Amino acid sequence: MNWNDWIRQIHRWMSIIFTVVVIAIFIALGLGKQPAEWVYFLPLFPLFVLLPTGLYMFVLPYAAKSGGGRRAAGQQ
């Protein structure tokens, strides 16, 4: 598994964790329960991991086009 695959896997799992935590908070609020204040900070850890991994994956195609990943003539 290369570096790009690790970044994608980390991003994928963090997005799942982030989504589950946010849904759990909304369910708790919908049930009329008032969660502790620290519960609202739980989505921040996955979000802080999602930011650099997402930016990395966003920039990757542009970096490849700029010369780092030139292809041979005739290939797509």
C-alpha atoms as a PDB file:
ATOM      1  CA  MET A   1       0.000   0.000   0.000  1.00  0.00           C
ATOM      2  CA  ASN A   2       1.543   3.302  -1.044  1.00  0.00           C
ATOM      3  CA  TRP A   3       1.328   6.716   0.561  1.00  0.00           C
ATOM      4  CA  ASN A   4      -1.676   7.887  -1.486  1.00  0.00           C
ATOM      5  CA  ASP A   5      -3.661   4.795  -0.521  1.00  0.00           C
ATOM      6  CA  TRP A   6      -2.945   5.436   3.178  1.00  0.00           C
ATOM      7  CA  ILE A   7      -4.118   9.045   2.866  1.00  0.00           C
ATOM      8  CA  ARG A   8      -7.316   7.940   1.126  1.00  0.00           C
ATOM      9  CA  GLN A   9      -8.035   5.244   3.736  1.00  0.00           C
ATOM     10  CA  ILE A  10      -7.455   7.660   6.613  1.00  0.00           C
ATOM     11  CA  HIS A  11      -9.701  10.243   4.951  1.00  0.00           C
ATOM     12  CA  ARG A  12     -12.408   7.667   4.287  1.00  0.00           C
ATOM     13  CA  TRP A  13     -12.492   6.330   7.856  1.00  0.00           C
ATOM     14  CA  MET A  14     -12.339   9.789   9.423  1.00  0.00           C
ATOM     15  CA  SER A  15     -15.290  10.885   7.304  1.00  0.00           C
ATOM     16  CA  ILE A  16     -17.280   7.884   8.535  1.00  0.00           C
ATOM     17  CA  ILE A  17     -16.373   8.652  12.166  1.00  0.00           C
ATOM     18  CA  PHE A  18     -17.237  12.337  11.700  1.00  0.00           C
ATOM     19  CA  THR A  19     -20.617  11.493  10.168  1.00  0.00           C
ATOM     20  CA  VAL A  20     -21.513   9.016  12.914  1.00  0.00           C
ATOM     21  CA  VAL A  21     -20.575  11.468  15.677  1.00  0.00           C
ATOM     22  CA  VAL A  22     -22.607  14.302  14.136  1.00  0.00           C
ATOM     23  CA  ILE A  23     -25.628  12.019  13.617  1.00  0.00           C
ATOM     24  CA  ALA A  24     -25.359  10.824  17.230  1.00  0.00           C
ATOM     25  CA  ILE A  25     -25.373  14.421  18.477  1.00  0.00           C
ATOM     26  CA  PHE A  26     -28.448  15.241  16.409  1.00  0.00           C
ATOM     27  CA  ILE A  27     -30.236  12.113  17.635  1.00  0.00           C
ATOM     28  CA  ALA A  28     -29.453  13.053  21.236  1.00  0.00           C
ATOM     29  CA  LEU A  29     -30.804  16.544  20.647  1.00  0.00           C
ATOM     30  CA  GLY A  30     -33.894  15.123  18.925  1.00  0.00           C
ATOM     31  CA  LEU A  31     -34.620  12.928  21.939  1.00  0.00           C
ATOM     32  CA  GLY A  32     -34.679  16.011  24.103  1.00  0.00           C
ATOM     33  CA  LYS A  33     -31.466  15.210  25.923  1.00  0.00           C
ATOM     34  CA  GLN A  34     -28.995  17.967  26.540  1.00  0.00           C
ATOM     35  CA  PRO A  35     -25.514  16.476  26.029  1.00  0.00           C
ATOM     36  CA  ALA A  36     -22.548  17.718  28.018  1.00  0.00           C
ATOM     37  CA  GLU A  37     -20.667  20.645  26.524  1.00  0.00           C
ATOM     38  CA  TRP A  38     -17.622  18.519  25.623  1.00  0.00           C
ATOM     39  CA  VAL A  39     -19.757  16.342  23.334  1.00  0.00           C
ATOM     40  CA  TYR A  40     -19.971  19.228  20.866  1.00  0.00           C
ATOM     41  CA  PHE A  41     -16.173  19.152  20.533  1.00  0.00           C
ATOM     42  CA  LEU A  42     -16.073  15.459  19.503  1.00  0.00           C
ATOM     43  CA  PRO A  43     -16.465  16.123  15.753  1.00  0.00           C
ATOM     44  CA  LEU A  44     -13.458  18.442  15.781  1.00  0.00           C
ATOM     45  CA  PHE A  45     -10.776  15.717  15.898  1.00  0.00           C
ATOM     46  CA  PRO A  46     -11.955  13.937  12.732  1.00  0.00           C
ATOM     47  CA  LEU A  47     -12.526  17.308  11.111  1.00  0.00           C
ATOM     48  CA  PHE A  48      -8.939  18.386  11.802  1.00  0.00           C
ATOM     49  CA  VAL A  49      -7.721  15.139  10.211  1.00  0.00           C
ATOM     50  CA  LEU A  50     -10.082  15.514   7.247  1.00  0.00           C
ATOM     51  CA  LEU A  51      -8.796  18.986   6.411  1.00  0.00           C
ATOM     52  CA  PRO A  52      -5.168  18.144   5.495  1.00  0.00           C
ATOM     53  CA  THR A  53      -6.019  14.796   3.894  1.00  0.00           C
ATOM     54  CA  GLY A  54      -8.768  16.365   1.811  1.00  0.00           C
ATOM     55  CA  LEU A  55      -6.527  19.235   0.734  1.00  0.00           C
ATOM     56  CA  TYR A  56      -3.802  16.746  -0.184  1.00  0.00           C
ATOM     57  CA  MET A  57      -6.187  14.746  -2.370  1.00  0.00           C
ATOM     58  CA  PHE A  58      -7.533  17.957  -3.898  1.00  0.00           C
ATOM     59  CA  VAL A  59      -4.068  19.199  -4.906  1.00  0.00           C
ATOM     60  CA  LEU A  60      -2.782  15.801  -6.094  1.00  0.00           C
ATOM     61  CA  PRO A  61      -4.179  15.939  -9.678  1.00  0.00           C
ATOM     62  CA  TYR A  62      -2.935  19.498 -10.160  1.00  0.00           C
ATOM     63  CA  ALA A  63       0.533  18.556  -8.942  1.00  0.00           C
ATOM     64  CA  ALA A  64       0.601  15.630 -11.368  1.00  0.00           C
ATOM     65  CA  LYS A  65      -0.403  17.904 -14.274  1.00  0.00           C
ATOM     66  CA  SER A  66       2.249  20.492 -13.482  1.00  0.00           C
ATOM     67  CA  GLY A  67       5.074  18.193 -14.506  1.00  0.00           C
ATOM     68  CA  GLY A  68       5.595  15.711 -11.717  1.00  0.00           C
ATOM     69  CA  GLY A  69       3.551  12.996 -13.386  1.00  0.00           C
ATOM     70  CA  ARG A  70       4.040  13.564 -17.134  1.00  0.00           C
ATOM     71  CA  ARG A  71       2.872  10.747 -19.317  1.00  0.00           C
ATOM     72  CA  ALA A  72       4.438   9.455 -22.490  1.00  0.00           C
ATOM     73  CA  ALA A  73       3.013  10.770 -25.759  1.00  0.00           C
ATOM     74  CA  GLY A  74      -0.087   8.894 -26.835  1.00  0.00           C
ATOM     75  CA  GLN A  75      -1.034   7.633 -23.352  1.00  0.00           C
ATOM     76  CA  GLN A  76      -4.024   8.832 -21.412  1.00  0.00           C
END
